[in-house]
Amino acid sequence: MLLMVDLNELIGLGPAESLLELFVRVSVLYIVIMLAVRLSGKRGIGQASAVDFILALAVGDAIGDMAYGTENILKGVLIIAIWVGLHALTAYLGVRWPRFEELVGGRKATVVRDGVIMETALKHELISREELMMLLRTKDIEDVSKVKVAYLETDGTLSVSMK
């Protein structure tokens, strides 16, 4: 007995959808994502700020809606363009007015000064002593007393100057 399975049913496409439509929809979205990433600036993923993270979540949500067909592609592209535009405006205002950048992106926190862990700063940044030590170990630093100053940067990385 030959078992025939409808490809659309197997993939989970509805009766009004086709595999070709899905391919075209995702291909268009791929191009939109590439353009959005290209237009949003040259910072790498490792340098992502909280604002970059928010942009990624919002764009990902819009792309998901478009990919699954719950949102019109043109409307979704417009939504992404607005998000990327707002992101660019925020970046521009941050460059133009450093106080705005600090307001939106935060400021670095001094977590070690002259070999002493700044407990108040750790509490404010919601980071444990062990997490700080882990970040120091990733920089091959085992002895905090040898650290002149360590900053927890706004992107979550640790910058360290040794004595």
Protein backbone atom coordinates (compact mmCIF):
# COMPACT_ATOMS: atom_id res chain seq x y z
CA MET A 1 0.00 0.00 0.00
CA LEU A 2 1.41 3.39 -1.04
CA LEU A 3 1.10 6.10 1.56
CA MET A 4 0.64 9.55 0.03
CA VAL A 5 1.34 12.54 2.23
CA ASP A 6 0.58 16.08 1.19
CA LEU A 7 3.83 18.08 1.45
CA ASN A 8 2.01 21.20 2.66
CA GLU A 9 0.35 19.17 5.42
CA LEU A 10 3.65 17.56 6.38
CA ILE A 11 5.36 20.98 6.68
CA GLY A 12 2.40 22.47 8.50
CA LEU A 13 1.27 24.93 5.86
CA GLY A 14 -2.39 25.87 5.75
CA PRO A 15 -4.60 25.24 2.72
CA ALA A 16 -4.08 28.80 1.43
CA GLU A 17 -0.27 28.64 1.78
CA SER A 18 2.29 27.08 -0.49
CA LEU A 19 5.90 26.05 -0.13
CA LEU A 20 6.84 28.62 -2.78
CA GLU A 21 5.08 31.40 -0.83
CA LEU A 22 6.96 30.36 2.33
CA PHE A 23 10.28 30.37 0.44
CA VAL A 24 9.62 33.82 -1.05
CA ARG A 25 8.44 35.21 2.30
CA VAL A 26 11.53 33.97 4.18
CA SER A 27 13.86 35.09 1.37
CA VAL A 28 12.44 38.61 1.48
CA LEU A 29 12.82 38.61 5.26
CA TYR A 30 16.43 37.48 4.94
CA ILE A 31 17.17 40.46 2.71
CA VAL A 32 15.34 42.80 5.12
CA ILE A 33 17.35 41.44 8.06
CA MET A 34 20.63 41.85 6.21
CA LEU A 35 19.75 45.46 5.32
CA ALA A 36 18.61 46.21 8.87
CA VAL A 37 21.84 44.85 10.35
CA ARG A 38 23.91 46.73 7.79
CA LEU A 39 22.07 50.00 8.42
CA SER A 40 22.12 49.71 12.22
CA GLY A 41 25.86 50.29 12.48
CA LYS A 42 29.22 48.60 12.72
CA ARG A 43 29.18 47.43 16.33
CA GLY A 44 29.67 43.71 16.68
CA ILE A 45 27.47 41.34 18.61
CA GLY A 46 29.96 41.35 21.49
CA GLN A 47 29.51 45.11 21.77
CA ALA A 48 25.73 45.01 21.87
CA SER A 49 24.12 47.43 24.29
CA ALA A 50 20.74 47.17 25.97
CA VAL A 51 19.29 49.32 23.18
CA ASP A 52 20.77 46.94 20.57
CA PHE A 53 19.21 44.03 22.44
CA ILE A 54 15.80 45.72 22.44
CA LEU A 55 16.12 46.32 18.68
CA ALA A 56 17.01 42.67 18.11
CA LEU A 57 13.98 41.48 20.12
CA ALA A 58 11.58 43.85 18.36
CA VAL A 59 12.87 43.05 14.88
CA GLY A 60 12.89 39.33 15.68
CA ASP A 61 9.27 39.51 16.77
CA ALA A 62 8.25 41.37 13.60
CA ILE A 63 10.18 38.91 11.44
CA GLY A 64 8.55 35.97 13.18
CA ASP A 65 5.10 37.41 12.57
CA MET A 66 5.91 37.94 8.89
CA ALA A 67 7.53 34.53 8.47
CA TYR A 68 4.48 32.78 9.90
CA GLY A 69 2.12 34.89 7.85
CA THR A 70 0.38 36.58 10.77
CA GLU A 71 1.62 39.97 9.56
CA ASN A 72 1.66 41.48 6.08
CA ILE A 73 5.23 41.64 4.76
CA LEU A 74 5.02 45.27 3.65
CA LYS A 75 3.63 46.33 7.02
CA GLY A 76 6.30 44.26 8.77
CA VAL A 77 9.07 45.84 6.71
CA LEU A 78 7.68 49.25 7.65
CA ILE A 79 7.69 48.24 11.33
CA ILE A 80 11.32 47.11 11.04
CA ALA A 81 12.25 50.34 9.24
CA ILE A 82 10.71 52.37 12.06
CA TRP A 83 12.58 50.36 14.71
CA VAL A 84 15.90 50.69 12.85
CA GLY A 85 15.22 54.41 12.34
CA LEU A 86 14.54 54.89 16.05
CA HIS A 87 17.72 52.95 16.83
CA ALA A 88 19.73 55.16 14.46
CA LEU A 89 18.19 58.30 15.98
CA THR A 90 19.06 57.10 19.48
CA ALA A 91 22.66 56.40 18.39
CA TYR A 92 22.91 59.82 16.71
CA LEU A 93 21.55 61.64 19.77
CA GLY A 94 23.98 59.69 21.95
CA VAL A 95 26.93 60.82 19.83
CA ARG A 96 25.66 64.39 19.67
CA TRP A 97 24.88 64.66 23.40
CA PRO A 98 26.95 62.38 25.67
CA ARG A 99 24.52 62.96 28.54
CA PHE A 100 21.77 61.40 26.39
CA GLU A 101 24.03 58.38 25.73
CA GLU A 102 24.57 58.00 29.45
CA LEU A 103 20.83 58.27 30.11
CA VAL A 104 19.97 55.62 27.50
CA GLY A 105 23.02 53.36 27.69
CA GLY A 106 24.08 53.78 31.29
CA ARG A 107 27.59 54.37 32.54
CA LYS A 108 30.47 52.14 33.49
CA ALA A 109 30.73 51.09 37.12
CA THR A 110 33.99 50.89 39.05
CA VAL A 111 33.93 47.43 40.63
CA VAL A 112 37.56 47.21 41.80
CA ARG A 113 39.79 50.10 42.90
CA ASP A 114 43.36 49.66 44.16
CA GLY A 115 42.84 45.94 44.70
CA VAL A 116 39.64 46.39 46.72
CA ILE A 117 36.30 45.07 45.49
CA MET A 118 33.68 47.81 45.60
CA GLU A 119 30.81 45.91 47.25
CA THR A 120 28.36 48.81 46.89
CA ALA A 121 28.95 48.91 43.13
CA LEU A 122 28.44 45.14 42.88
CA LYS A 123 25.09 45.44 44.67
CA HIS A 124 24.04 48.34 42.46
CA GLU A 125 24.97 46.37 39.31
CA LEU A 126 23.34 43.18 40.64
CA ILE A 127 26.54 41.20 40.22
CA SER A 128 27.86 38.79 42.83
CA ARG A 129 31.43 38.68 44.07
CA GLU A 130 31.81 35.26 42.42
CA GLU A 131 30.59 36.61 39.07
CA LEU A 132 33.18 39.39 39.31
CA MET A 133 35.88 36.84 40.08
CA MET A 134 34.77 34.79 37.08
CA LEU A 135 35.07 37.87 34.83
CA LEU A 136 38.54 38.53 36.24
CA ARG A 137 39.59 34.91 35.66
CA THR A 138 38.58 35.20 31.99
CA LYS A 139 41.32 37.84 31.87
CA ASP A 140 43.80 35.51 33.65
CA ILE A 141 43.58 37.52 36.87
CA GLU A 142 43.42 35.43 40.04
CA ASP A 143 44.58 38.01 42.59
CA VAL A 144 42.32 41.07 42.96
CA SER A 145 45.01 42.90 44.95
CA LYS A 146 47.01 43.30 41.71
CA VAL A 147 44.18 45.20 40.01
CA LYS A 148 44.52 48.98 39.87
CA VAL A 149 40.98 49.52 38.59
CA ALA A 150 38.26 47.39 36.97
CA TYR A 151 35.18 48.75 35.28
CA LEU A 152 31.99 46.89 34.46
CA GLU A 153 31.22 48.44 31.08
CA THR A 154 27.72 49.24 29.84
CA ASP A 155 27.81 46.21 27.53
CA GLY A 156 28.57 43.86 30.44
CA THR A 157 32.28 43.38 29.67
CA LEU A 158 35.00 44.02 32.21
CA SER A 159 37.88 46.44 31.55
CA VAL A 160 40.88 46.03 33.83
CA SER A 161 44.05 48.02 34.49
CA MET A 162 46.76 46.30 36.51
CA LYS A 163 49.01 47.93 39.14
